[in-house]
Amino acid sequence: MEEEHFSNSSDDKLSLEDAFKYFEIDDPKEATREAVKKKFRRLSLVHHPDRNNQSQESVKEMQKINNLYEIMEQEFDRREGNDRLYNENIPEEPAENTTKPDPCDPDELGISKTEQKRRRKVHKRRRQKARYKERTEQERQQAEYKRRREEMEEEMHREWEEARRKMEDGRVPKETKRGQTTK
């Protein structure tokens, strides 16, 4: 199958119609990104400079293929609404009746002022209880830490006293100069 070549020089502006013709797409509206990518890869393999001894014609042809493929990609992005340049001047319109009421805004939920006030008081009391509980838990942990520390200090003191008494009574063997113990 022989490829159709255009006489466009590198100075000419390539159009979307040129891209559709070059990629052999009959119906532009039915074209898919996957089909264009497949054609691009096939044409790239045929016209790649590495496969054509780095000839100038293949280099130009490959540049043209890349440019046309980029034009096609931009067209697909535009169709999908992903092209920021295309969409930057179009204001987004909010969909009608799709917003849910804000659960933090009592006015949107239709709650009366007295009910709002009651709920705030309940919420405030719950926060106070939680803070008190947290504070008492911290105090309990601190008291437990202090108690354990005092117990350890008392035990160390008892052991020290016992070792001192044994030394005084002579029950603990004394070390000699060579590190041997005697009774």
Protein backbone atom coordinates (compact mmCIF):
# COMPACT_ATOMS: atom_id res chain seq x y z
CA MET A 1 0.00 0.00 0.00
CA GLU A 2 1.59 3.21 -1.11
CA GLU A 3 1.51 6.21 1.22
CA GLU A 4 0.06 9.49 0.01
CA HIS A 5 2.64 12.29 0.22
CA PHE A 6 1.81 15.97 0.37
CA SER A 7 3.73 18.72 -1.31
CA ASN A 8 3.56 20.92 1.78
CA SER A 9 6.93 22.43 2.59
CA SER A 10 8.03 22.72 6.21
CA ASP A 11 6.97 26.40 6.15
CA ASP A 12 3.33 25.57 5.37
CA LYS A 13 0.91 25.30 8.25
CA LEU A 14 -0.44 21.79 8.68
CA SER A 15 -4.16 21.56 9.28
CA LEU A 16 -6.45 19.06 10.92
CA GLU A 17 -7.76 18.05 7.48
CA ASP A 18 -4.19 17.26 6.40
CA ALA A 19 -3.80 15.09 9.49
CA PHE A 20 -6.99 13.16 8.77
CA LYS A 21 -5.92 12.61 5.17
CA TYR A 22 -2.40 11.58 6.09
CA PHE A 23 -3.57 9.11 8.71
CA GLU A 24 -6.15 7.76 6.22
CA ILE A 25 -9.19 8.56 8.34
CA ASP A 26 -12.36 8.73 6.26
CA ASP A 27 -14.82 9.94 8.89
CA PRO A 28 -13.17 12.40 11.31
CA LYS A 29 -16.13 12.28 13.71
CA GLU A 30 -15.76 8.52 14.15
CA ALA A 31 -11.96 8.59 14.63
CA THR A 32 -10.58 7.24 17.88
CA ARG A 33 -7.37 8.03 19.68
CA GLU A 34 -6.33 4.36 19.56
CA ALA A 35 -6.79 4.10 15.78
CA VAL A 36 -4.73 7.26 15.21
CA LYS A 37 -2.01 6.02 17.56
CA LYS A 38 -1.87 2.72 15.65
CA LYS A 39 -1.50 4.54 12.30
CA PHE A 40 1.12 6.87 13.80
CA ARG A 41 3.23 3.95 15.02
CA ARG A 42 2.97 2.17 11.66
CA LEU A 43 3.99 5.31 9.75
CA SER A 44 6.80 5.98 12.24
CA LEU A 45 8.24 2.54 11.62
CA VAL A 46 8.13 3.05 7.85
CA HIS A 47 9.58 6.58 7.76
CA HIS A 48 11.93 6.57 10.74
CA PRO A 49 15.38 7.99 9.85
CA ASP A 50 17.17 5.07 11.55
CA ARG A 51 15.51 2.70 9.07
CA ASN A 52 16.25 4.93 6.08
CA ASN A 53 19.98 5.61 6.49
CA GLN A 54 19.35 9.02 8.11
CA SER A 55 18.18 10.50 4.80
CA GLN A 56 16.93 14.09 4.79
CA GLU A 57 13.60 13.04 3.28
CA SER A 58 12.94 10.58 6.10
CA VAL A 59 13.87 13.19 8.72
CA LYS A 60 11.43 15.70 7.19
CA GLU A 61 8.75 13.04 6.79
CA MET A 62 9.15 11.98 10.42
CA GLN A 63 8.88 15.60 11.58
CA LYS A 64 5.72 15.96 9.55
CA ILE A 65 4.27 12.74 11.02
CA ASN A 66 5.04 13.97 14.54
CA ASN A 67 3.45 17.37 13.86
CA LEU A 68 0.33 15.80 12.36
CA TYR A 69 0.06 13.38 15.27
CA GLU A 70 0.33 16.29 17.70
CA ILE A 71 -2.47 18.08 15.82
CA MET A 72 -4.60 14.95 16.13
CA GLU A 73 -3.86 14.63 19.86
CA GLN A 74 -4.88 18.25 20.39
CA GLU A 75 -8.12 17.57 18.53
CA PHE A 76 -8.89 14.59 20.77
CA ASP A 77 -8.06 16.62 23.87
CA ARG A 78 -10.35 19.39 22.64
CA ARG A 79 -13.12 16.90 22.02
CA GLU A 80 -12.77 15.48 25.51
CA GLY A 81 -12.66 18.93 27.05
CA ASN A 82 -9.19 18.42 28.51
CA ASP A 83 -7.44 21.17 26.59
CA ARG A 84 -7.05 24.09 29.00
CA LEU A 85 -6.42 26.60 26.23
CA TYR A 86 -9.65 25.65 24.55
CA ASN A 87 -11.70 25.72 27.75
CA GLU A 88 -10.17 28.67 29.59
CA ASN A 89 -12.71 31.24 28.32
CA ILE A 90 -15.76 29.03 28.79
CA PRO A 91 -17.34 29.61 32.20
CA GLU A 92 -18.38 26.50 34.04
CA GLU A 93 -22.09 26.37 34.67
CA PRO A 94 -23.20 24.64 37.85
CA ALA A 95 -25.65 21.82 37.35
CA GLU A 96 -29.12 22.54 38.65
CA ASN A 97 -30.28 20.97 41.93
CA THR A 98 -27.22 18.74 42.28
CA THR A 99 -25.84 20.38 45.41
CA LYS A 100 -26.53 18.67 48.71
CA PRO A 101 -27.27 20.75 51.80
CA ASP A 102 -24.23 21.50 53.90
CA PRO A 103 -24.51 19.44 57.09
CA CYS A 104 -22.60 22.15 58.98
CA ASP A 105 -25.03 24.88 57.97
CA PRO A 106 -28.20 24.54 60.07
CA ASP A 107 -30.06 27.13 57.99
CA GLU A 108 -29.82 24.88 54.91
CA LEU A 109 -31.12 21.92 56.89
CA GLY A 110 -34.17 23.85 58.09
CA ILE A 111 -33.32 23.75 61.80
CA SER A 112 -34.93 26.38 64.01
CA LYS A 113 -32.85 28.91 65.95
CA THR A 114 -33.80 27.44 69.33
CA GLU A 115 -32.81 23.95 68.15
CA GLN A 116 -29.52 25.35 66.84
CA LYS A 117 -28.86 26.94 70.24
CA ARG A 118 -29.69 23.70 72.07
CA ARG A 119 -27.39 21.70 69.81
CA ARG A 120 -24.55 24.17 70.35
CA LYS A 121 -24.92 23.80 74.14
CA VAL A 122 -24.95 20.00 73.89
CA HIS A 123 -21.91 20.07 71.65
CA LYS A 124 -20.12 22.44 74.04
CA ARG A 125 -20.86 20.14 77.01
CA ARG A 126 -19.57 17.14 75.09
CA ARG A 127 -16.34 18.97 74.27
CA GLN A 128 -15.93 19.97 77.93
CA LYS A 129 -16.47 16.37 79.08
CA ALA A 130 -13.98 15.11 76.52
CA ARG A 131 -11.38 17.67 77.65
CA TYR A 132 -12.00 16.79 81.32
CA LYS A 133 -11.72 13.09 80.57
CA GLU A 134 -8.50 13.69 78.63
CA ARG A 135 -7.12 15.85 81.43
CA THR A 136 -7.99 13.29 84.10
CA GLU A 137 -6.44 10.52 81.97
CA GLN A 138 -3.23 12.54 81.70
CA GLU A 139 -3.25 13.18 85.44
CA ARG A 140 -3.81 9.45 86.09
CA GLN A 141 -0.90 8.55 83.81
CA GLN A 142 1.35 11.11 85.52
CA ALA A 143 0.38 9.79 88.98
CA GLU A 144 1.08 6.20 87.85
CA TYR A 145 4.47 7.23 86.48
CA LYS A 146 5.31 9.03 89.75
CA ARG A 147 4.22 6.01 91.85
CA ARG A 148 6.34 3.60 89.78
CA ARG A 149 9.33 5.91 89.97
CA GLU A 150 9.02 6.16 93.78
CA GLU A 151 8.73 2.36 94.06
CA MET A 152 11.88 1.90 91.98
CA GLU A 153 13.74 4.46 94.09
CA GLU A 154 12.63 2.74 97.31
CA GLU A 155 13.70 -0.66 95.98
CA MET A 156 17.08 0.69 94.92
CA HIS A 157 17.49 2.34 98.34
CA ARG A 158 16.60 -0.96 100.12
CA GLU A 159 19.10 -2.89 97.97
CA TRP A 160 21.77 -0.31 98.67
CA GLU A 161 21.10 -0.44 102.42
CA GLU A 162 21.18 -4.24 102.40
CA ALA A 163 24.47 -4.30 100.51
CA ARG A 164 25.95 -1.76 102.97
CA ARG A 165 24.86 -3.85 105.98
CA LYS A 166 26.35 -7.00 104.47
CA MET A 167 29.64 -5.18 103.93
CA GLU A 168 29.65 -4.02 107.56
CA ASP A 169 28.84 -7.49 108.86
CA GLY A 170 31.49 -9.05 106.64
CA ARG A 171 29.07 -11.37 104.91
CA VAL A 172 30.09 -10.10 101.49
CA PRO A 173 33.38 -11.55 100.24
CA LYS A 174 36.09 -8.97 99.75
CA GLU A 175 38.24 -8.92 96.65
CA THR A 176 41.97 -9.45 96.83
CA LYS A 177 44.57 -7.72 94.73
CA ARG A 178 44.43 -10.37 91.99
CA GLY A 179 40.63 -10.22 91.69
CA GLN A 180 40.06 -13.45 93.63
CA THR A 181 37.50 -13.48 96.39
CA THR A 182 38.10 -14.77 99.88
CA LYS A 183 35.69 -15.74 102.59
